[in-house]
Each structure stands twice: as C-alpha cells, then as structure tokens.
Amino acid sequence: MNIEQKETENLTRASQKLDSCPFCGRKDNLILTVNPYTMFATASCETCNVKMKRSFSGNDRIRELLEELMADAWNKRADLKTEE
C-alpha cells in the first residue's frame, strides 16, 4: 500500500466518525480532508456547502488528534442545531 492509498484509507475511516449534517441531515456527502504537511483539516457537506476548518502542526499523533477534533467539532455543531 502506497502513501496515497494509506491517506485515503485514513480519511475514509475518519470521515465515518462524522455525524450527519445539521442543516440537510445527509451523511453521505460529508468529507473530511487533512493536509498532512500543514495539519490543516476541513469537514464539509457537499450538499449545503458548509465547512469547518482547523489547523495544527506536528507529528502523526497530532494528525490523529486533529481528525478526532474535527469530527468532534462537526458533531457538536450537529447537537447544537438539533437542540433549537
């Protein structure tokens, strides 16, 4: 498995942690992208064009934490929307 395949596998796994979009309710159009060099992450819904962004710098463990943080931030936003 090359580096690009491993990155795709990691992002697919991380994207599965995202709850559905709080605006349209869809889960199948959610995308989590992480730039491994800058540790810049974006969670977005392609249906609504809603995006959240986070960035850090560091090693692989920080990358894993960034993926978790991004999923948690997205999911918290979903909780806030459903409470209204």
N, C-alpha and C. Protein backbone atom coordinates (compact mmCIF):
# COMPACT_ATOMS: atom_id res chain seq x y z
N MET A 1 0.86 -1.18 0.00
CA MET A 1 0.00 0.00 0.00
C MET A 1 0.90 1.24 0.00
N ASN A 2 0.67 2.14 -0.95
CA ASN A 2 1.49 3.35 -1.00
C ASN A 2 0.94 4.42 -0.07
N ILE A 3 1.65 5.52 0.05
CA ILE A 3 1.28 6.59 0.98
C ILE A 3 -0.08 7.18 0.62
N GLU A 4 -0.34 7.39 -0.66
CA GLU A 4 -1.63 7.98 -1.07
C GLU A 4 -2.80 7.06 -0.72
N GLN A 5 -2.65 5.76 -0.90
CA GLN A 5 -3.70 4.81 -0.54
C GLN A 5 -3.93 4.80 0.96
N LYS A 6 -2.85 4.88 1.73
CA LYS A 6 -2.96 4.91 3.19
C LYS A 6 -3.69 6.18 3.64
N GLU A 7 -3.37 7.33 3.03
CA GLU A 7 -4.04 8.58 3.36
C GLU A 7 -5.53 8.48 3.07
N THR A 8 -5.89 7.92 1.92
CA THR A 8 -7.30 7.77 1.55
C THR A 8 -8.01 6.87 2.55
N GLU A 9 -7.37 5.78 2.95
CA GLU A 9 -7.95 4.87 3.93
C GLU A 9 -8.15 5.57 5.27
N ASN A 10 -7.15 6.33 5.71
CA ASN A 10 -7.26 7.06 6.98
C ASN A 10 -8.39 8.07 6.95
N LEU A 11 -8.52 8.82 5.85
CA LEU A 11 -9.57 9.83 5.76
C LEU A 11 -10.95 9.19 5.67
N THR A 12 -11.06 8.06 4.99
CA THR A 12 -12.34 7.36 4.93
C THR A 12 -12.75 6.92 6.32
N ARG A 13 -11.80 6.38 7.08
CA ARG A 13 -12.07 5.96 8.46
C ARG A 13 -12.47 7.15 9.32
N ALA A 14 -11.75 8.24 9.19
CA ALA A 14 -12.04 9.43 9.98
C ALA A 14 -13.38 10.04 9.58
N SER A 15 -13.71 10.05 8.30
CA SER A 15 -14.97 10.62 7.83
C SER A 15 -16.16 9.85 8.39
N GLN A 16 -15.98 8.57 8.65
CA GLN A 16 -17.06 7.76 9.20
C GLN A 16 -17.41 8.17 10.62
N LYS A 17 -16.54 8.93 11.28
CA LYS A 17 -16.80 9.41 12.63
C LYS A 17 -17.74 10.61 12.64
N LEU A 18 -17.96 11.24 11.48
CA LEU A 18 -18.77 12.45 11.41
C LEU A 18 -20.26 12.12 11.50
N ASP A 19 -20.99 12.88 12.29
CA ASP A 19 -22.45 12.78 12.31
C ASP A 19 -23.01 13.43 11.06
N SER A 20 -24.29 13.24 10.83
CA SER A 20 -24.92 13.83 9.65
C SER A 20 -24.91 15.36 9.73
N CYS A 21 -25.06 16.00 8.59
CA CYS A 21 -25.07 17.46 8.51
C CYS A 21 -26.27 18.01 9.29
N PRO A 22 -26.07 18.99 10.16
CA PRO A 22 -27.18 19.54 10.94
C PRO A 22 -28.14 20.38 10.09
N PHE A 23 -27.76 20.71 8.88
CA PHE A 23 -28.60 21.55 8.05
C PHE A 23 -29.47 20.74 7.09
N CYS A 24 -28.87 19.76 6.41
CA CYS A 24 -29.64 18.98 5.43
C CYS A 24 -29.92 17.56 5.92
N GLY A 25 -29.21 17.12 6.96
CA GLY A 25 -29.43 15.78 7.52
C GLY A 25 -28.72 14.65 6.79
N ARG A 26 -28.01 14.96 5.72
CA ARG A 26 -27.34 13.91 4.94
C ARG A 26 -26.00 13.55 5.57
N LYS A 27 -25.64 12.30 5.44
CA LYS A 27 -24.34 11.83 5.93
C LYS A 27 -23.45 11.40 4.77
N ASP A 28 -24.04 11.06 3.64
CA ASP A 28 -23.28 10.51 2.53
C ASP A 28 -22.45 11.54 1.78
N ASN A 29 -22.68 12.82 1.97
CA ASN A 29 -21.93 13.86 1.26
C ASN A 29 -20.92 14.57 2.15
N LEU A 30 -20.61 14.01 3.31
CA LEU A 30 -19.65 14.63 4.22
C LEU A 30 -18.23 14.24 3.85
N ILE A 31 -17.34 15.22 3.89
CA ILE A 31 -15.95 14.98 3.52
C ILE A 31 -15.04 15.55 4.60
N LEU A 32 -14.07 14.76 5.02
CA LEU A 32 -13.03 15.22 5.93
C LEU A 32 -11.72 15.20 5.15
N THR A 33 -11.08 16.36 5.03
CA THR A 33 -9.80 16.42 4.34
C THR A 33 -8.74 16.92 5.31
N VAL A 34 -7.56 16.33 5.23
CA VAL A 34 -6.45 16.72 6.09
C VAL A 34 -5.20 16.84 5.22
N ASN A 35 -4.54 17.99 5.30
CA ASN A 35 -3.26 18.17 4.62
C ASN A 35 -2.18 17.69 5.57
N PRO A 36 -1.47 16.61 5.24
CA PRO A 36 -0.50 16.03 6.18
C PRO A 36 0.72 16.91 6.43
N TYR A 37 0.96 17.88 5.59
CA TYR A 37 2.14 18.74 5.76
C TYR A 37 1.85 19.93 6.66
N THR A 38 0.66 20.48 6.57
CA THR A 38 0.32 21.65 7.37
C THR A 38 -0.64 21.32 8.50
N MET A 39 -1.17 20.10 8.53
CA MET A 39 -2.16 19.68 9.52
C MET A 39 -3.39 20.59 9.48
N PHE A 40 -3.79 20.96 8.31
CA PHE A 40 -4.98 21.77 8.10
C PHE A 40 -6.11 20.81 7.74
N ALA A 41 -7.20 20.86 8.49
CA ALA A 41 -8.32 19.94 8.26
C ALA A 41 -9.59 20.71 7.97
N THR A 42 -10.41 20.14 7.11
CA THR A 42 -11.71 20.71 6.78
C THR A 42 -12.74 19.59 6.81
N ALA A 43 -13.86 19.83 7.48
CA ALA A 43 -15.02 18.95 7.40
C ALA A 43 -16.08 19.73 6.65
N SER A 44 -16.68 19.11 5.66
CA SER A 44 -17.64 19.84 4.86
C SER A 44 -18.77 18.95 4.38
N CYS A 45 -19.89 19.59 4.06
CA CYS A 45 -21.04 18.92 3.46
C CYS A 45 -21.16 19.44 2.04
N GLU A 46 -21.05 18.55 1.06
CA GLU A 46 -21.12 18.97 -0.33
C GLU A 46 -22.53 19.42 -0.72
N THR A 47 -23.55 18.95 -0.03
CA THR A 47 -24.92 19.35 -0.34
C THR A 47 -25.17 20.80 0.04
N CYS A 48 -24.79 21.17 1.27
CA CYS A 48 -25.05 22.53 1.79
C CYS A 48 -23.89 23.49 1.55
N ASN A 49 -22.73 22.96 1.20
CA ASN A 49 -21.51 23.76 1.05
C ASN A 49 -21.10 24.41 2.37
N VAL A 50 -21.37 23.74 3.48
CA VAL A 50 -20.98 24.20 4.81
C VAL A 50 -19.61 23.61 5.13
N LYS A 51 -18.71 24.42 5.69
CA LYS A 51 -17.36 23.95 6.00
C LYS A 51 -16.94 24.40 7.39
N MET A 52 -16.16 23.55 8.05
CA MET A 52 -15.48 23.90 9.29
C MET A 52 -14.01 23.65 9.07
N LYS A 53 -13.16 24.51 9.63
CA LYS A 53 -11.71 24.38 9.42
C LYS A 53 -10.96 24.40 10.75
N ARG A 54 -9.88 23.64 10.81
CA ARG A 54 -8.97 23.63 11.96
C ARG A 54 -7.55 23.43 11.41
N SER A 55 -6.55 23.93 12.13
CA SER A 55 -5.17 23.68 11.70
C SER A 55 -4.24 23.54 12.91
N PHE A 56 -3.24 22.70 12.75
CA PHE A 56 -2.20 22.45 13.75
C PHE A 56 -0.92 22.10 13.01
N SER A 57 0.17 22.01 13.74
CA SER A 57 1.40 21.49 13.14
C SER A 57 1.97 20.45 14.09
N GLY A 58 2.62 19.43 13.55
CA GLY A 58 3.19 18.41 14.41
C GLY A 58 3.31 17.07 13.73
N ASN A 59 3.37 16.02 14.56
CA ASN A 59 3.63 14.68 14.06
C ASN A 59 2.34 13.89 13.80
N ASP A 60 2.49 12.58 13.56
CA ASP A 60 1.34 11.73 13.23
C ASP A 60 0.31 11.68 14.35
N ARG A 61 0.75 11.67 15.60
CA ARG A 61 -0.21 11.62 16.71
C ARG A 61 -1.06 12.89 16.71
N ILE A 62 -0.45 14.02 16.42
CA ILE A 62 -1.22 15.26 16.33
C ILE A 62 -2.21 15.18 15.18
N ARG A 63 -1.82 14.55 14.09
CA ARG A 63 -2.73 14.36 12.96
C ARG A 63 -3.96 13.56 13.40
N GLU A 64 -3.74 12.48 14.14
CA GLU A 64 -4.85 11.67 14.64
C GLU A 64 -5.75 12.50 15.55
N LEU A 65 -5.13 13.29 16.41
CA LEU A 65 -5.91 14.14 17.31
C LEU A 65 -6.69 15.19 16.52
N LEU A 66 -6.10 15.72 15.46
CA LEU A 66 -6.78 16.70 14.62
C LEU A 66 -8.00 16.08 13.96
N GLU A 67 -7.88 14.85 13.47
CA GLU A 67 -9.02 14.17 12.87
C GLU A 67 -10.14 14.01 13.90
N GLU A 68 -9.77 13.59 15.11
CA GLU A 68 -10.76 13.43 16.17
C GLU A 68 -11.38 14.77 16.55
N LEU A 69 -10.56 15.81 16.66
CA LEU A 69 -11.06 17.14 17.00
C LEU A 69 -12.03 17.64 15.94
N MET A 70 -11.68 17.42 14.68
CA MET A 70 -12.54 17.88 13.59
C MET A 70 -13.89 17.15 13.64
N ALA A 71 -13.86 15.84 13.86
CA ALA A 71 -15.10 15.07 13.95
C ALA A 71 -15.92 15.53 15.16
N ASP A 72 -15.27 15.74 16.30
CA ASP A 72 -15.97 16.21 17.50
C ASP A 72 -16.59 17.58 17.29
N ALA A 73 -15.86 18.49 16.65
CA ALA A 73 -16.38 19.84 16.39
C ALA A 73 -17.60 19.77 15.47
N TRP A 74 -17.51 18.96 14.43
CA TRP A 74 -18.63 18.81 13.50
C TRP A 74 -19.84 18.23 14.24
N ASN A 75 -19.62 17.20 15.03
CA ASN A 75 -20.71 16.53 15.72
C ASN A 75 -21.32 17.43 16.79
N LYS A 76 -20.53 18.26 17.45
CA LYS A 76 -21.07 19.18 18.44
C LYS A 76 -21.97 20.19 17.76
N ARG A 77 -21.56 20.67 16.60
CA ARG A 77 -22.39 21.61 15.86
C ARG A 77 -23.72 20.97 15.51
N ALA A 78 -23.71 19.69 15.18
CA ALA A 78 -24.95 18.98 14.86
C ALA A 78 -25.85 18.94 16.09
N ASP A 79 -25.26 18.70 17.28
CA ASP A 79 -26.03 18.67 18.51
C ASP A 79 -26.66 20.03 18.81
N LEU A 80 -25.92 21.10 18.58
CA LEU A 80 -26.45 22.44 18.83
C LEU A 80 -27.63 22.74 17.92
N LYS A 81 -27.58 22.32 16.68
CA LYS A 81 -28.65 22.57 15.73
C LYS A 81 -29.92 21.82 16.12
N THR A 82 -29.79 20.58 16.61
CA THR A 82 -30.97 19.79 16.95
C THR A 82 -31.60 20.23 18.26
N GLU A 83 -30.87 20.98 19.09
CA GLU A 83 -31.43 21.45 20.36
C GLU A 83 -32.37 22.63 20.18
N GLU A 84 -32.29 23.32 19.06
CA GLU A 84 -33.10 24.53 18.86
C GLU A 84 -34.56 24.22 18.70
